[in-house]
Amino acid sequence: MGNLFSCHIDEGILEKFNLALMLNKKETTKVIERYMVQYISTSFSKTSQEYKH
């Protein structure tokens, strides 16, 4: 079981996000978690590359 995450999202963006979820038959939590993991990986990779130079 995970932790509860809460944030304020622009209403228009949230509406489109929910529509995209329905169109793709995806679950909110899984999609957001996947994007968070992707962001973490990209951030760490970018920082690592900057540190090497």
PDB file of N, CA and C in Angstrom:
ATOM      1  N   MET A   1       0.843  -1.165   0.000  1.00  0.00           N
ATOM      2  CA  MET A   1       0.000   0.000   0.000  1.00  0.00           C
ATOM      3  C   MET A   1       0.889   1.229   0.000  1.00  0.00           C
ATOM      4  N   GLY A   2       0.514   2.251  -0.785  1.00  0.00           N
ATOM      5  CA  GLY A   2       1.316   3.463  -0.900  1.00  0.00           C
ATOM      6  C   GLY A   2       0.811   4.584  -0.025  1.00  0.00           C
ATOM      7  N   ASN A   3       1.457   5.701  -0.164  1.00  0.00           N
ATOM      8  CA  ASN A   3       1.092   6.901   0.560  1.00  0.00           C
ATOM      9  C   ASN A   3       0.105   7.732  -0.251  1.00  0.00           C
ATOM     10  N   LEU A   4      -0.652   8.554   0.428  1.00  0.00           N
ATOM     11  CA  LEU A   4      -1.586   9.460  -0.228  1.00  0.00           C
ATOM     12  C   LEU A   4      -0.813  10.667  -0.722  1.00  0.00           C
ATOM     13  N   PHE A   5      -1.029  11.049  -1.976  1.00  0.00           N
ATOM     14  CA  PHE A   5      -0.383  12.208  -2.582  1.00  0.00           C
ATOM     15  C   PHE A   5      -1.488  13.157  -3.023  1.00  0.00           C
ATOM     16  N   SER A   6      -1.344  14.412  -2.697  1.00  0.00           N
ATOM     17  CA  SER A   6      -2.372  15.393  -3.036  1.00  0.00           C
ATOM     18  C   SER A   6      -1.718  16.641  -3.610  1.00  0.00           C
ATOM     19  N   CYS A   7      -2.302  17.203  -4.663  1.00  0.00           N
ATOM     20  CA  CYS A   7      -1.793  18.455  -5.226  1.00  0.00           C
ATOM     21  C   CYS A   7      -2.926  19.150  -5.985  1.00  0.00           C
ATOM     22  N   HIS A   8      -2.714  20.423  -6.272  1.00  0.00           N
ATOM     23  CA  HIS A   8      -3.699  21.200  -7.010  1.00  0.00           C
ATOM     24  C   HIS A   8      -3.316  21.188  -8.489  1.00  0.00           C
ATOM     25  N   ILE A   9      -4.272  20.820  -9.338  1.00  0.00           N
ATOM     26  CA  ILE A   9      -4.057  20.741 -10.783  1.00  0.00           C
ATOM     27  C   ILE A   9      -5.069  21.655 -11.459  1.00  0.00           C
ATOM     28  N   ASP A  10      -4.632  22.340 -12.495  1.00  0.00           N
ATOM     29  CA  ASP A  10      -5.533  23.180 -13.278  1.00  0.00           C
ATOM     30  C   ASP A  10      -6.741  22.358 -13.721  1.00  0.00           C
ATOM     31  N   GLU A  11      -7.911  22.921 -13.585  1.00  0.00           N
ATOM     32  CA  GLU A  11      -9.156  22.197 -13.879  1.00  0.00           C
ATOM     33  C   GLU A  11      -9.209  21.691 -15.320  1.00  0.00           C
ATOM     34  N   GLY A  12      -8.763  22.499 -16.260  1.00  0.00           N
ATOM     35  CA  GLY A  12      -8.773  22.100 -17.664  1.00  0.00           C
ATOM     36  C   GLY A  12      -7.842  20.935 -17.946  1.00  0.00           C
ATOM     37  N   ILE A  13      -6.676  20.986 -17.337  1.00  0.00           N
ATOM     38  CA  ILE A  13      -5.708  19.901 -17.512  1.00  0.00           C
ATOM     39  C   ILE A  13      -6.254  18.617 -16.904  1.00  0.00           C
ATOM     40  N   LEU A  14      -6.836  18.729 -15.715  1.00  0.00           N
ATOM     41  CA  LEU A  14      -7.385  17.546 -15.052  1.00  0.00           C
ATOM     42  C   LEU A  14      -8.527  16.931 -15.867  1.00  0.00           C
ATOM     43  N   GLU A  15      -9.359  17.781 -16.448  1.00  0.00           N
ATOM     44  CA  GLU A  15     -10.471  17.288 -17.272  1.00  0.00           C
ATOM     45  C   GLU A  15      -9.944  16.504 -18.473  1.00  0.00           C
ATOM     46  N   LYS A  16      -8.925  17.039 -19.136  1.00  0.00           N
ATOM     47  CA  LYS A  16      -8.344  16.362 -20.305  1.00  0.00           C
ATOM     48  C   LYS A  16      -7.620  15.085 -19.890  1.00  0.00           C
ATOM     49  N   PHE A  17      -6.960  15.131 -18.732  1.00  0.00           N
ATOM     50  CA  PHE A  17      -6.276  13.945 -18.228  1.00  0.00           C
ATOM     51  C   PHE A  17      -7.274  12.822 -17.974  1.00  0.00           C
ATOM     52  N   ASN A  18      -8.380  13.145 -17.325  1.00  0.00           N
ATOM     53  CA  ASN A  18      -9.406  12.142 -17.054  1.00  0.00           C
ATOM     54  C   ASN A  18     -10.012  11.596 -18.343  1.00  0.00           C
ATOM     55  N   LEU A  19     -10.193  12.451 -19.328  1.00  0.00           N
ATOM     56  CA  LEU A  19     -10.704  12.002 -20.630  1.00  0.00           C
ATOM     57  C   LEU A  19      -9.702  11.042 -21.281  1.00  0.00           C
ATOM     58  N   ALA A  20      -8.412  11.396 -21.225  1.00  0.00           N
ATOM     59  CA  ALA A  20      -7.381  10.530 -21.795  1.00  0.00           C
ATOM     60  C   ALA A  20      -7.340   9.181 -21.074  1.00  0.00           C
ATOM     61  N   LEU A  21      -7.519   9.204 -19.753  1.00  0.00           N
ATOM     62  CA  LEU A  21      -7.563   7.946 -19.003  1.00  0.00           C
ATOM     63  C   LEU A  21      -8.705   7.066 -19.476  1.00  0.00           C
ATOM     64  N   MET A  22      -9.871   7.665 -19.660  1.00  0.00           N
ATOM     65  CA  MET A  22     -11.032   6.893 -20.121  1.00  0.00           C
ATOM     66  C   MET A  22     -10.798   6.336 -21.517  1.00  0.00           C
ATOM     67  N   LEU A  23     -10.253   7.156 -22.409  1.00  0.00           N
ATOM     68  CA  LEU A  23     -10.008   6.712 -23.785  1.00  0.00           C
ATOM     69  C   LEU A  23      -9.021   5.545 -23.834  1.00  0.00           C
ATOM     70  N   ASN A  24      -8.031   5.586 -22.950  1.00  0.00           N
ATOM     71  CA  ASN A  24      -6.999   4.550 -22.936  1.00  0.00           C
ATOM     72  C   ASN A  24      -7.272   3.430 -21.946  1.00  0.00           C
ATOM     73  N   LYS A  25      -8.391   3.546 -21.226  1.00  0.00           N
ATOM     74  CA  LYS A  25      -8.776   2.535 -20.232  1.00  0.00           C
ATOM     75  C   LYS A  25      -7.639   2.260 -19.243  1.00  0.00           C
ATOM     76  N   LYS A  26      -7.114   3.349 -18.676  1.00  0.00           N
ATOM     77  CA  LYS A  26      -6.015   3.258 -17.716  1.00  0.00           C
ATOM     78  C   LYS A  26      -6.476   3.759 -16.354  1.00  0.00           C
ATOM     79  N   GLU A  27      -5.758   3.349 -15.315  1.00  0.00           N
ATOM     80  CA  GLU A  27      -6.056   3.767 -13.954  1.00  0.00           C
ATOM     81  C   GLU A  27      -5.192   4.977 -13.588  1.00  0.00           C
ATOM     82  N   THR A  28      -5.824   5.958 -12.961  1.00  0.00           N
ATOM     83  CA  THR A  28      -5.131   7.200 -12.587  1.00  0.00           C
ATOM     84  C   THR A  28      -3.846   6.928 -11.829  1.00  0.00           C
ATOM     85  N   THR A  29      -3.922   6.139 -10.779  1.00  0.00           N
ATOM     86  CA  THR A  29      -2.766   5.897  -9.921  1.00  0.00           C
ATOM     87  C   THR A  29      -1.605   5.292 -10.698  1.00  0.00           C
ATOM     88  N   LYS A  30      -1.890   4.327 -11.543  1.00  0.00           N
ATOM     89  CA  LYS A  30      -0.819   3.663 -12.293  1.00  0.00           C
ATOM     90  C   LYS A  30      -0.159   4.608 -13.293  1.00  0.00           C
ATOM     91  N   VAL A  31      -0.965   5.430 -13.953  1.00  0.00           N
ATOM     92  CA  VAL A  31      -0.414   6.374 -14.929  1.00  0.00           C
ATOM     93  C   VAL A  31       0.451   7.422 -14.233  1.00  0.00           C
ATOM     94  N   ILE A  32      -0.054   7.992 -13.155  1.00  0.00           N
ATOM     95  CA  ILE A  32       0.712   9.011 -12.430  1.00  0.00           C
ATOM     96  C   ILE A  32       1.990   8.411 -11.861  1.00  0.00           C
ATOM     97  N   GLU A  33       1.898   7.221 -11.303  1.00  0.00           N
ATOM     98  CA  GLU A  33       3.094   6.572 -10.757  1.00  0.00           C
ATOM     99  C   GLU A  33       4.125   6.318 -11.846  1.00  0.00           C
ATOM    100  N   ARG A  34       3.683   5.896 -13.022  1.00  0.00           N
ATOM    101  CA  ARG A  34       4.601   5.644 -14.143  1.00  0.00           C
ATOM    102  C   ARG A  34       5.312   6.938 -14.546  1.00  0.00           C
ATOM    103  N   TYR A  35       4.565   8.043 -14.616  1.00  0.00           N
ATOM    104  CA  TYR A  35       5.176   9.324 -14.966  1.00  0.00           C
ATOM    105  C   TYR A  35       6.119   9.826 -13.879  1.00  0.00           C
ATOM    106  N   MET A  36       5.803   9.558 -12.633  1.00  0.00           N
ATOM    107  CA  MET A  36       6.698   9.947 -11.543  1.00  0.00           C
ATOM    108  C   MET A  36       8.016   9.178 -11.641  1.00  0.00           C
ATOM    109  N   VAL A  37       7.933   7.889 -11.896  1.00  0.00           N
ATOM    110  CA  VAL A  37       9.139   7.065 -12.043  1.00  0.00           C
ATOM    111  C   VAL A  37       9.959   7.555 -13.232  1.00  0.00           C
ATOM    112  N   GLN A  38       9.291   7.876 -14.328  1.00  0.00           N
ATOM    113  CA  GLN A  38       9.971   8.385 -15.516  1.00  0.00           C
ATOM    114  C   GLN A  38      10.670   9.713 -15.203  1.00  0.00           C
ATOM    115  N   TYR A  39      10.006  10.595 -14.477  1.00  0.00           N
ATOM    116  CA  TYR A  39      10.585  11.886 -14.105  1.00  0.00           C
ATOM    117  C   TYR A  39      11.805  11.699 -13.205  1.00  0.00           C
ATOM    118  N   ILE A  40      11.699  10.809 -12.240  1.00  0.00           N
ATOM    119  CA  ILE A  40      12.818  10.528 -11.335  1.00  0.00           C
ATOM    120  C   ILE A  40      14.009  10.007 -12.129  1.00  0.00           C
ATOM    121  N   SER A  41      13.771   9.045 -12.991  1.00  0.00           N
ATOM    122  CA  SER A  41      14.840   8.457 -13.790  1.00  0.00           C
ATOM    123  C   SER A  41      15.508   9.505 -14.679  1.00  0.00           C
ATOM    124  N   THR A  42      14.721  10.308 -15.360  1.00  0.00           N
ATOM    125  CA  THR A  42      15.254  11.354 -16.232  1.00  0.00           C
ATOM    126  C   THR A  42      16.051  12.378 -15.436  1.00  0.00           C
ATOM    127  N   SER A  43      15.522  12.777 -14.291  1.00  0.00           N
ATOM    128  CA  SER A  43      16.207  13.764 -13.451  1.00  0.00           C
ATOM    129  C   SER A  43      17.542  13.242 -12.949  1.00  0.00           C
ATOM    130  N   PHE A  44      17.561  12.003 -12.459  1.00  0.00           N
ATOM    131  CA  PHE A  44      18.805  11.427 -11.959  1.00  0.00           C
ATOM    132  C   PHE A  44      19.821  11.258 -13.087  1.00  0.00           C
ATOM    133  N   SER A  45      19.358  10.836 -14.243  1.00  0.00           N
ATOM    134  CA  SER A  45      20.244  10.656 -15.386  1.00  0.00           C
ATOM    135  C   SER A  45      20.844  11.995 -15.816  1.00  0.00           C
ATOM    136  N   LYS A  46      20.025  13.019 -15.880  1.00  0.00           N
ATOM    137  CA  LYS A  46      20.489  14.354 -16.276  1.00  0.00           C
ATOM    138  C   LYS A  46      21.505  14.880 -15.271  1.00  0.00           C
ATOM    139  N   THR A  47      21.208  14.739 -13.989  1.00  0.00           N
ATOM    140  CA  THR A  47      22.116  15.198 -12.952  1.00  0.00           C
ATOM    141  C   THR A  47      23.428  14.434 -12.998  1.00  0.00           C
ATOM    142  N   SER A  48      23.345  13.145 -13.241  1.00  0.00           N
ATOM    143  CA  SER A  48      24.543  12.319 -13.332  1.00  0.00           C
ATOM    144  C   SER A  48      25.426  12.775 -14.490  1.00  0.00           C
ATOM    145  N   GLN A  49      24.823  13.074 -15.632  1.00  0.00           N
ATOM    146  CA  GLN A  49      25.575  13.527 -16.789  1.00  0.00           C
ATOM    147  C   GLN A  49      26.238  14.880 -16.534  1.00  0.00           C
ATOM    148  N   GLU A  50      25.516  15.774 -15.846  1.00  0.00           N
ATOM    149  CA  GLU A  50      26.069  17.087 -15.527  1.00  0.00           C
ATOM    150  C   GLU A  50      27.234  16.952 -14.548  1.00  0.00           C
ATOM    151  N   TYR A  51      27.149  16.016 -13.631  1.00  0.00           N
ATOM    152  CA  TYR A  51      28.190  15.801 -12.624  1.00  0.00           C
ATOM    153  C   TYR A  51      29.484  15.278 -13.277  1.00  0.00           C
ATOM    154  N   LYS A  52      29.328  14.476 -14.325  1.00  0.00           N
ATOM    155  CA  LYS A  52      30.491  13.897 -15.005  1.00  0.00           C
ATOM    156  C   LYS A  52      31.304  14.952 -15.735  1.00  0.00           C
ATOM    157  N   HIS A  53      30.642  16.016 -16.165  1.00  0.00           N
ATOM    158  CA  HIS A  53      31.350  17.033 -16.969  1.00  0.00           C
ATOM    159  C   HIS A  53      31.862  18.078 -16.085  1.00  0.00           C
TER     160      HIS A  53
END
